Amino acid sequence: MAANRLELSPRAIRDLKKLPAGIQFRLKGHIEALSSNPRPRGVLKLNGDANAYRLRVADNRVLFEIHDEVLMVIVLKVADRKEAYR
């Protein structure tokens, strides 16, 4: 099975840089794993968009899109659970 191309939006990069180093390290591992398995256990599909999903990592959420036709995962936002869906 071919790996998906992984892209981070400018907003996701900014969001990651704002977090403490330990949380950044933990989140980066989960984000990189999305390229080999874009729908791991615990990923939920979001309502309102055909390609939108969220990954829960402790109190943080990674919002991303999966485009199966071009084998691409785009990380849109990384945020605390209280702010993620605004």
PDB file of N, CA and C in Angstrom:
ATOM      1  N   MET A   1       0.840  -1.183   0.000  1.00  0.00           N
ATOM      2  CA  MET A   1       0.000   0.000   0.000  1.00  0.00           C
ATOM      3  C   MET A   1       0.880   1.240   0.000  1.00  0.00           C
ATOM      4  N   ALA A   2       0.589   2.162  -0.879  1.00  0.00           N
ATOM      5  CA  ALA A   2       1.367   3.389  -0.993  1.00  0.00           C
ATOM      6  C   ALA A   2       1.027   4.348   0.141  1.00  0.00           C
ATOM      7  N   ALA A   3       2.019   5.062   0.609  1.00  0.00           N
ATOM      8  CA  ALA A   3       1.811   6.041   1.672  1.00  0.00           C
ATOM      9  C   ALA A   3       1.155   7.289   1.099  1.00  0.00           C
ATOM     10  N   ASN A   4       0.344   7.920   1.911  1.00  0.00           N
ATOM     11  CA  ASN A   4      -0.294   9.171   1.523  1.00  0.00           C
ATOM     12  C   ASN A   4       0.695  10.315   1.685  1.00  0.00           C
ATOM     13  N   ARG A   5       0.578  11.303   0.814  1.00  0.00           N
ATOM     14  CA  ARG A   5       1.382  12.515   0.964  1.00  0.00           C
ATOM     15  C   ARG A   5       0.766  13.327   2.105  1.00  0.00           C
ATOM     16  N   LEU A   6       1.601  13.855   2.966  1.00  0.00           N
ATOM     17  CA  LEU A   6       1.153  14.604   4.133  1.00  0.00           C
ATOM     18  C   LEU A   6       1.530  16.065   3.974  1.00  0.00           C
ATOM     19  N   GLU A   7       0.552  16.948   4.089  1.00  0.00           N
ATOM     20  CA  GLU A   7       0.803  18.388   4.005  1.00  0.00           C
ATOM     21  C   GLU A   7       0.204  19.067   5.219  1.00  0.00           C
ATOM     22  N   LEU A   8       0.890  20.091   5.711  1.00  0.00           N
ATOM     23  CA  LEU A   8       0.391  20.895   6.811  1.00  0.00           C
ATOM     24  C   LEU A   8       0.081  22.291   6.296  1.00  0.00           C
ATOM     25  N   SER A   9      -1.087  22.781   6.645  1.00  0.00           N
ATOM     26  CA  SER A   9      -1.453  24.141   6.242  1.00  0.00           C
ATOM     27  C   SER A   9      -0.614  25.132   7.046  1.00  0.00           C
ATOM     28  N   PRO A  10      -0.477  26.362   6.556  1.00  0.00           N
ATOM     29  CA  PRO A  10       0.260  27.373   7.331  1.00  0.00           C
ATOM     30  C   PRO A  10      -0.319  27.564   8.731  1.00  0.00           C
ATOM     31  N   ARG A  11      -1.636  27.477   8.846  1.00  0.00           N
ATOM     32  CA  ARG A  11      -2.265  27.614  10.161  1.00  0.00           C
ATOM     33  C   ARG A  11      -1.862  26.472  11.087  1.00  0.00           C
ATOM     34  N   ALA A  12      -1.823  25.248  10.583  1.00  0.00           N
ATOM     35  CA  ALA A  12      -1.432  24.105  11.409  1.00  0.00           C
ATOM     36  C   ALA A  12       0.010  24.244  11.884  1.00  0.00           C
ATOM     37  N   ILE A  13       0.883  24.731  11.021  1.00  0.00           N
ATOM     38  CA  ILE A  13       2.278  24.943  11.403  1.00  0.00           C
ATOM     39  C   ILE A  13       2.366  25.981  12.517  1.00  0.00           C
ATOM     40  N   ARG A  14       1.630  27.090  12.374  1.00  0.00           N
ATOM     41  CA  ARG A  14       1.601  28.128  13.419  1.00  0.00           C
ATOM     42  C   ARG A  14       1.054  27.577  14.723  1.00  0.00           C
ATOM     43  N   ASP A  15      -0.025  26.801  14.634  1.00  0.00           N
ATOM     44  CA  ASP A  15      -0.633  26.215  15.827  1.00  0.00           C
ATOM     45  C   ASP A  15       0.352  25.308  16.560  1.00  0.00           C
ATOM     46  N   LEU A  16       1.093  24.494  15.812  1.00  0.00           N
ATOM     47  CA  LEU A  16       2.072  23.596  16.428  1.00  0.00           C
ATOM     48  C   LEU A  16       3.190  24.369  17.123  1.00  0.00           C
ATOM     49  N   LYS A  17       3.671  25.427  16.491  1.00  0.00           N
ATOM     50  CA  LYS A  17       4.769  26.214  17.058  1.00  0.00           C
ATOM     51  C   LYS A  17       4.387  26.890  18.372  1.00  0.00           C
ATOM     52  N   LYS A  18       3.114  27.157  18.579  1.00  0.00           N
ATOM     53  CA  LYS A  18       2.650  27.817  19.796  1.00  0.00           C
ATOM     54  C   LYS A  18       2.615  26.883  21.004  1.00  0.00           C
ATOM     55  N   LEU A  19       2.628  25.581  20.758  1.00  0.00           N
ATOM     56  CA  LEU A  19       2.503  24.596  21.833  1.00  0.00           C
ATOM     57  C   LEU A  19       3.851  24.310  22.492  1.00  0.00           C
ATOM     58  N   PRO A  20       3.838  23.851  23.747  1.00  0.00           N
ATOM     59  CA  PRO A  20       5.084  23.455  24.412  1.00  0.00           C
ATOM     60  C   PRO A  20       5.781  22.313  23.669  1.00  0.00           C
ATOM     61  N   ALA A  21       7.087  22.224  23.831  1.00  0.00           N
ATOM     62  CA  ALA A  21       7.908  21.263  23.078  1.00  0.00           C
ATOM     63  C   ALA A  21       7.459  19.813  23.273  1.00  0.00           C
ATOM     64  N   GLY A  22       7.116  19.435  24.477  1.00  0.00           N
ATOM     65  CA  GLY A  22       6.695  18.057  24.736  1.00  0.00           C
ATOM     66  C   GLY A  22       5.421  17.692  23.996  1.00  0.00           C
ATOM     67  N   ILE A  23       4.470  18.608  23.955  1.00  0.00           N
ATOM     68  CA  ILE A  23       3.213  18.369  23.245  1.00  0.00           C
ATOM     69  C   ILE A  23       3.459  18.364  21.743  1.00  0.00           C
ATOM     70  N   GLN A  24       4.335  19.266  21.268  1.00  0.00           N
ATOM     71  CA  GLN A  24       4.691  19.288  19.840  1.00  0.00           C
ATOM     72  C   GLN A  24       5.238  17.935  19.410  1.00  0.00           C
ATOM     73  N   PHE A  25       6.155  17.398  20.202  1.00  0.00           N
ATOM     74  CA  PHE A  25       6.784  16.117  19.877  1.00  0.00           C
ATOM     75  C   PHE A  25       5.735  15.013  19.791  1.00  0.00           C
ATOM     76  N   ARG A  26       4.835  14.981  20.760  1.00  0.00           N
ATOM     77  CA  ARG A  26       3.796  13.955  20.784  1.00  0.00           C
ATOM     78  C   ARG A  26       2.858  14.082  19.587  1.00  0.00           C
ATOM     79  N   LEU A  27       2.441  15.308  19.290  1.00  0.00           N
ATOM     80  CA  LEU A  27       1.532  15.534  18.166  1.00  0.00           C
ATOM     81  C   LEU A  27       2.186  15.220  16.828  1.00  0.00           C
ATOM     82  N   LYS A  28       3.460  15.591  16.671  1.00  0.00           N
ATOM     83  CA  LYS A  28       4.146  15.319  15.402  1.00  0.00           C
ATOM     84  C   LYS A  28       4.188  13.831  15.100  1.00  0.00           C
ATOM     85  N   GLY A  29       4.378  13.013  16.110  1.00  0.00           N
ATOM     86  CA  GLY A  29       4.372  11.566  15.906  1.00  0.00           C
ATOM     87  C   GLY A  29       3.038  11.066  15.388  1.00  0.00           C
ATOM     88  N   HIS A  30       1.958  11.569  15.970  1.00  0.00           N
ATOM     89  CA  HIS A  30       0.620  11.169  15.524  1.00  0.00           C
ATOM     90  C   HIS A  30       0.319  11.707  14.129  1.00  0.00           C
ATOM     91  N   ILE A  31       0.750  12.929  13.853  1.00  0.00           N
ATOM     92  CA  ILE A  31       0.509  13.528  12.534  1.00  0.00           C
ATOM     93  C   ILE A  31       1.277  12.767  11.455  1.00  0.00           C
ATOM     94  N   GLU A  32       2.533  12.436  11.711  1.00  0.00           N
ATOM     95  CA  GLU A  32       3.328  11.693  10.727  1.00  0.00           C
ATOM     96  C   GLU A  32       2.746  10.310  10.473  1.00  0.00           C
ATOM     97  N   ALA A  33       2.135   9.705  11.478  1.00  0.00           N
ATOM     98  CA  ALA A  33       1.536   8.381  11.314  1.00  0.00           C
ATOM     99  C   ALA A  33       0.333   8.415  10.372  1.00  0.00           C
ATOM    100  N   LEU A  34      -0.273   9.590  10.190  1.00  0.00           N
ATOM    101  CA  LEU A  34      -1.418   9.708   9.285  1.00  0.00           C
ATOM    102  C   LEU A  34      -1.052   9.410   7.833  1.00  0.00           C
ATOM    103  N   SER A  35       0.216   9.585   7.473  1.00  0.00           N
ATOM    104  CA  SER A  35       0.608   9.310   6.087  1.00  0.00           C
ATOM    105  C   SER A  35       0.519   7.821   5.759  1.00  0.00           C
ATOM    106  N   SER A  36       0.789   6.954   6.728  1.00  0.00           N
ATOM    107  CA  SER A  36       0.708   5.522   6.458  1.00  0.00           C
ATOM    108  C   SER A  36      -0.685   4.959   6.758  1.00  0.00           C
ATOM    109  N   ASN A  37      -1.399   5.562   7.710  1.00  0.00           N
ATOM    110  CA  ASN A  37      -2.747   5.113   8.052  1.00  0.00           C
ATOM    111  C   ASN A  37      -3.597   6.343   8.359  1.00  0.00           C
ATOM    112  N   PRO A  38      -4.300   6.895   7.360  1.00  0.00           N
ATOM    113  CA  PRO A  38      -5.047   8.131   7.579  1.00  0.00           C
ATOM    114  C   PRO A  38      -6.301   7.970   8.447  1.00  0.00           C
ATOM    115  N   ARG A  39      -6.720   6.747   8.689  1.00  0.00           N
ATOM    116  CA  ARG A  39      -7.903   6.508   9.521  1.00  0.00           C
ATOM    117  C   ARG A  39      -7.577   5.530  10.656  1.00  0.00           C
ATOM    118  N   PRO A  40      -6.668   5.927  11.559  1.00  0.00           N
ATOM    119  CA  PRO A  40      -6.356   5.021  12.664  1.00  0.00           C
ATOM    120  C   PRO A  40      -7.528   4.939  13.644  1.00  0.00           C
ATOM    121  N   ARG A  41      -7.438   4.020  14.548  1.00  0.00           N
ATOM    122  CA  ARG A  41      -8.478   3.866  15.557  1.00  0.00           C
ATOM    123  C   ARG A  41      -8.634   5.172  16.338  1.00  0.00           C
ATOM    124  N   GLY A  42      -9.862   5.604  16.520  1.00  0.00           N
ATOM    125  CA  GLY A  42     -10.128   6.821  17.273  1.00  0.00           C
ATOM    126  C   GLY A  42     -10.367   8.050  16.423  1.00  0.00           C
ATOM    127  N   VAL A  43     -10.107   7.979  15.133  1.00  0.00           N
ATOM    128  CA  VAL A  43     -10.356   9.119  14.243  1.00  0.00           C
ATOM    129  C   VAL A  43     -11.846   9.167  13.939  1.00  0.00           C
ATOM    130  N   LEU A  44     -12.424  10.358  14.059  1.00  0.00           N
ATOM    131  CA  LEU A  44     -13.842  10.522  13.776  1.00  0.00           C
ATOM    132  C   LEU A  44     -14.057  11.440  12.587  1.00  0.00           C
ATOM    133  N   LYS A  45     -15.059  11.127  11.794  1.00  0.00           N
ATOM    134  CA  LYS A  45     -15.446  11.968  10.674  1.00  0.00           C
ATOM    135  C   LYS A  45     -16.273  13.120  11.219  1.00  0.00           C
ATOM    136  N   LEU A  46     -16.018  14.322  10.702  1.00  0.00           N
ATOM    137  CA  LEU A  46     -16.759  15.501  11.134  1.00  0.00           C
ATOM    138  C   LEU A  46     -17.948  15.747  10.210  1.00  0.00           C
ATOM    139  N   ASN A  47     -19.011  16.259  10.769  1.00  0.00           N
ATOM    140  CA  ASN A  47     -20.199  16.589   9.978  1.00  0.00           C
ATOM    141  C   ASN A  47     -19.952  17.856   9.177  1.00  0.00           C
ATOM    142  N   GLY A  48     -20.576  17.951   8.029  1.00  0.00           N
ATOM    143  CA  GLY A  48     -20.537  19.170   7.244  1.00  0.00           C
ATOM    144  C   GLY A  48     -19.555  19.168   6.091  1.00  0.00           C
ATOM    145  N   ASP A  49     -18.559  18.317   6.110  1.00  0.00           N
ATOM    146  CA  ASP A  49     -17.585  18.254   5.019  1.00  0.00           C
ATOM    147  C   ASP A  49     -17.317  16.787   4.712  1.00  0.00           C
ATOM    148  N   ALA A  50     -17.291  16.453   3.455  1.00  0.00           N
ATOM    149  CA  ALA A  50     -17.139  15.057   3.047  1.00  0.00           C
ATOM    150  C   ALA A  50     -15.770  14.480   3.398  1.00  0.00           C
ATOM    151  N   ASN A  51     -14.741  15.327   3.522  1.00  0.00           N
ATOM    152  CA  ASN A  51     -13.386  14.834   3.737  1.00  0.00           C
ATOM    153  C   ASN A  51     -12.805  15.192   5.101  1.00  0.00           C
ATOM    154  N   ALA A  52     -13.579  15.788   5.998  1.00  0.00           N
ATOM    155  CA  ALA A  52     -13.042  16.305   7.258  1.00  0.00           C
ATOM    156  C   ALA A  52     -13.061  15.254   8.370  1.00  0.00           C
ATOM    157  N   TYR A  53     -11.939  15.171   9.080  1.00  0.00           N
ATOM    158  CA  TYR A  53     -11.778  14.227  10.180  1.00  0.00           C
ATOM    159  C   TYR A  53     -11.074  14.917  11.336  1.00  0.00           C
ATOM    160  N   ARG A  54     -11.147  14.295  12.521  1.00  0.00           N
ATOM    161  CA  ARG A  54     -10.402  14.810  13.655  1.00  0.00           C
ATOM    162  C   ARG A  54      -9.718  13.662  14.378  1.00  0.00           C
ATOM    163  N   LEU A  55      -8.540  13.978  14.891  1.00  0.00           N
ATOM    164  CA  LEU A  55      -7.746  13.035  15.667  1.00  0.00           C
ATOM    165  C   LEU A  55      -7.583  13.611  17.058  1.00  0.00           C
ATOM    166  N   ARG A  56      -7.895  12.829  18.057  1.00  0.00           N
ATOM    167  CA  ARG A  56      -7.772  13.267  19.444  1.00  0.00           C
ATOM    168  C   ARG A  56      -6.433  12.801  19.993  1.00  0.00           C
ATOM    169  N   VAL A  57      -5.658  13.739  20.527  1.00  0.00           N
ATOM    170  CA  VAL A  57      -4.389  13.416  21.188  1.00  0.00           C
ATOM    171  C   VAL A  57      -4.407  14.157  22.520  1.00  0.00           C
ATOM    172  N   ALA A  58      -4.746  13.449  23.591  1.00  0.00           N
ATOM    173  CA  ALA A  58      -4.912  14.022  24.929  1.00  0.00           C
ATOM    174  C   ALA A  58      -5.947  15.142  24.855  1.00  0.00           C
ATOM    175  N   ASP A  59      -5.614  16.360  25.269  1.00  0.00           N
ATOM    176  CA  ASP A  59      -6.555  17.482  25.232  1.00  0.00           C
ATOM    177  C   ASP A  59      -6.471  18.273  23.939  1.00  0.00           C
ATOM    178  N   ASN A  60      -5.745  17.779  22.974  1.00  0.00           N
ATOM    179  CA  ASN A  60      -5.573  18.487  21.698  1.00  0.00           C
ATOM    180  C   ASN A  60      -6.311  17.754  20.590  1.00  0.00           C
ATOM    181  N   ARG A  61      -6.674  18.518  19.556  1.00  0.00           N
ATOM    182  CA  ARG A  61      -7.334  17.951  18.396  1.00  0.00           C
ATOM    183  C   ARG A  61      -6.572  18.331  17.141  1.00  0.00           C
ATOM    184  N   VAL A  62      -6.446  17.375  16.243  1.00  0.00           N
ATOM    185  CA  VAL A  62      -5.836  17.615  14.938  1.00  0.00           C
ATOM    186  C   VAL A  62      -6.960  17.475  13.924  1.00  0.00           C
ATOM    187  N   LEU A  63      -7.282  18.564  13.241  1.00  0.00           N
ATOM    188  CA  LEU A  63      -8.329  18.555  12.229  1.00  0.00           C
ATOM    189  C   LEU A  63      -7.673  18.428  10.864  1.00  0.00           C
ATOM    190  N   PHE A  64      -8.144  17.473  10.072  1.00  0.00           N
ATOM    191  CA  PHE A  64      -7.502  17.216   8.787  1.00  0.00           C
ATOM    192  C   PHE A  64      -8.492  16.708   7.766  1.00  0.00           C
ATOM    193  N   GLU A  65      -8.062  16.732   6.515  1.00  0.00           N
ATOM    194  CA  GLU A  65      -8.844  16.214   5.401  1.00  0.00           C
ATOM    195  C   GLU A  65      -8.099  15.054   4.769  1.00  0.00           C
ATOM    196  N   ILE A  66      -8.849  14.070   4.310  1.00  0.00           N
ATOM    197  CA  ILE A  66      -8.282  12.929   3.592  1.00  0.00           C
ATOM    198  C   ILE A  66      -8.814  12.973   2.166  1.00  0.00           C
ATOM    199  N   HIS A  67      -7.892  12.970   1.212  1.00  0.00           N
ATOM    200  CA  HIS A  67      -8.263  12.938  -0.207  1.00  0.00           C
ATOM    201  C   HIS A  67      -7.724  11.626  -0.786  1.00  0.00           C
ATOM    202  N   ASP A  68      -8.578  10.602  -0.774  1.00  0.00           N
ATOM    203  CA  ASP A  68      -8.176   9.267  -1.214  1.00  0.00           C
ATOM    204  C   ASP A  68      -7.826   9.204  -2.694  1.00  0.00           C
ATOM    205  N   GLU A  69      -8.496  10.003  -3.516  1.00  0.00           N
ATOM    206  CA  GLU A  69      -8.277   9.928  -4.952  1.00  0.00           C
ATOM    207  C   GLU A  69      -6.866  10.348  -5.347  1.00  0.00           C
ATOM    208  N   VAL A  70      -6.219  11.206  -4.551  1.00  0.00           N
ATOM    209  CA  VAL A  70      -4.846  11.643  -4.852  1.00  0.00           C
ATOM    210  C   VAL A  70      -3.864  11.227  -3.756  1.00  0.00           C
ATOM    211  N   LEU A  71      -4.314  10.370  -2.830  1.00  0.00           N
ATOM    212  CA  LEU A  71      -3.483   9.876  -1.724  1.00  0.00           C
ATOM    213  C   LEU A  71      -2.824  11.028  -0.956  1.00  0.00           C
ATOM    214  N   MET A  72      -3.658  11.911  -0.410  1.00  0.00           N
ATOM    215  CA  MET A  72      -3.136  13.075   0.303  1.00  0.00           C
ATOM    216  C   MET A  72      -3.907  13.299   1.596  1.00  0.00           C
ATOM    217  N   VAL A  73      -3.162  13.658   2.650  1.00  0.00           N
ATOM    218  CA  VAL A  73      -3.745  14.062   3.926  1.00  0.00           C
ATOM    219  C   VAL A  73      -3.282  15.488   4.179  1.00  0.00           C
ATOM    220  N   ILE A  74      -4.243  16.389   4.418  1.00  0.00           N
ATOM    221  CA  ILE A  74      -3.922  17.792   4.675  1.00  0.00           C
ATOM    222  C   ILE A  74      -4.341  18.130   6.098  1.00  0.00           C
ATOM    223  N   VAL A  75      -3.370  18.484   6.943  1.00  0.00           N
ATOM    224  CA  VAL A  75      -3.655  18.893   8.318  1.00  0.00           C
ATOM    225  C   VAL A  75      -4.024  20.370   8.273  1.00  0.00           C
ATOM    226  N   LEU A  76      -5.231  20.685   8.743  1.00  0.00           N
ATOM    227  CA  LEU A  76      -5.751  22.040   8.661  1.00  0.00           C
ATOM    228  C   LEU A  76      -5.521  22.854   9.926  1.00  0.00           C
ATOM    229  N   LYS A  77      -5.659  22.201  11.084  1.00  0.00           N
ATOM    230  CA  LYS A  77      -5.620  22.937  12.344  1.00  0.00           C
ATOM    231  C   LYS A  77      -5.207  22.014  13.470  1.00  0.00           C
ATOM    232  N   VAL A  78      -4.452  22.548  14.430  1.00  0.00           N
ATOM    233  CA  VAL A  78      -4.092  21.845  15.650  1.00  0.00           C
ATOM    234  C   VAL A  78      -4.470  22.769  16.791  1.00  0.00           C
ATOM    235  N   ALA A  79      -5.329  22.298  17.696  1.00  0.00           N
ATOM    236  CA  ALA A  79      -5.801  23.191  18.753  1.00  0.00           C
ATOM    237  C   ALA A  79      -6.204  22.405  19.995  1.00  0.00           C
ATOM    238  N   ASP A  80      -6.314  23.125  21.095  1.00  0.00           N
ATOM    239  CA  ASP A  80      -6.859  22.573  22.319  1.00  0.00           C
ATOM    240  C   ASP A  80      -8.320  22.216  22.057  1.00  0.00           C
ATOM    241  N   ARG A  81      -8.818  21.234  22.747  1.00  0.00           N
ATOM    242  CA  ARG A  81     -10.177  20.759  22.489  1.00  0.00           C
ATOM    243  C   ARG A  81     -11.229  21.849  22.661  1.00  0.00           C
ATOM    244  N   LYS A  82     -10.959  22.823  23.519  1.00  0.00           N
ATOM    245  CA  LYS A  82     -11.922  23.904  23.766  1.00  0.00           C
ATOM    246  C   LYS A  82     -12.015  24.855  22.568  1.00  0.00           C
ATOM    247  N   GLU A  83     -10.933  24.973  21.811  1.00  0.00           N
ATOM    248  CA  GLU A  83     -10.865  25.934  20.700  1.00  0.00           C
ATOM    249  C   GLU A  83     -10.956  25.294  19.323  1.00  0.00           C
ATOM    250  N   ALA A  84     -10.866  23.990  19.228  1.00  0.00           N
ATOM    251  CA  ALA A  84     -10.673  23.317  17.942  1.00  0.00           C
ATOM    252  C   ALA A  84     -11.808  23.512  16.951  1.00  0.00           C
ATOM    253  N   TYR A  85     -13.023  23.571  17.409  1.00  0.00           N
ATOM    254  CA  TYR A  85     -14.154  23.538  16.477  1.00  0.00           C
ATOM    255  C   TYR A  85     -14.742  24.915  16.195  1.00  0.00           C
ATOM    256  N   ARG A  86     -14.082  25.970  16.634  1.00  0.00           N
ATOM    257  CA  ARG A  86     -14.583  27.337  16.396  1.00  0.00           C
ATOM    258  C   ARG A  86     -14.132  27.844  15.053  1.00  0.00           C
TER     259      ARG A  86
END
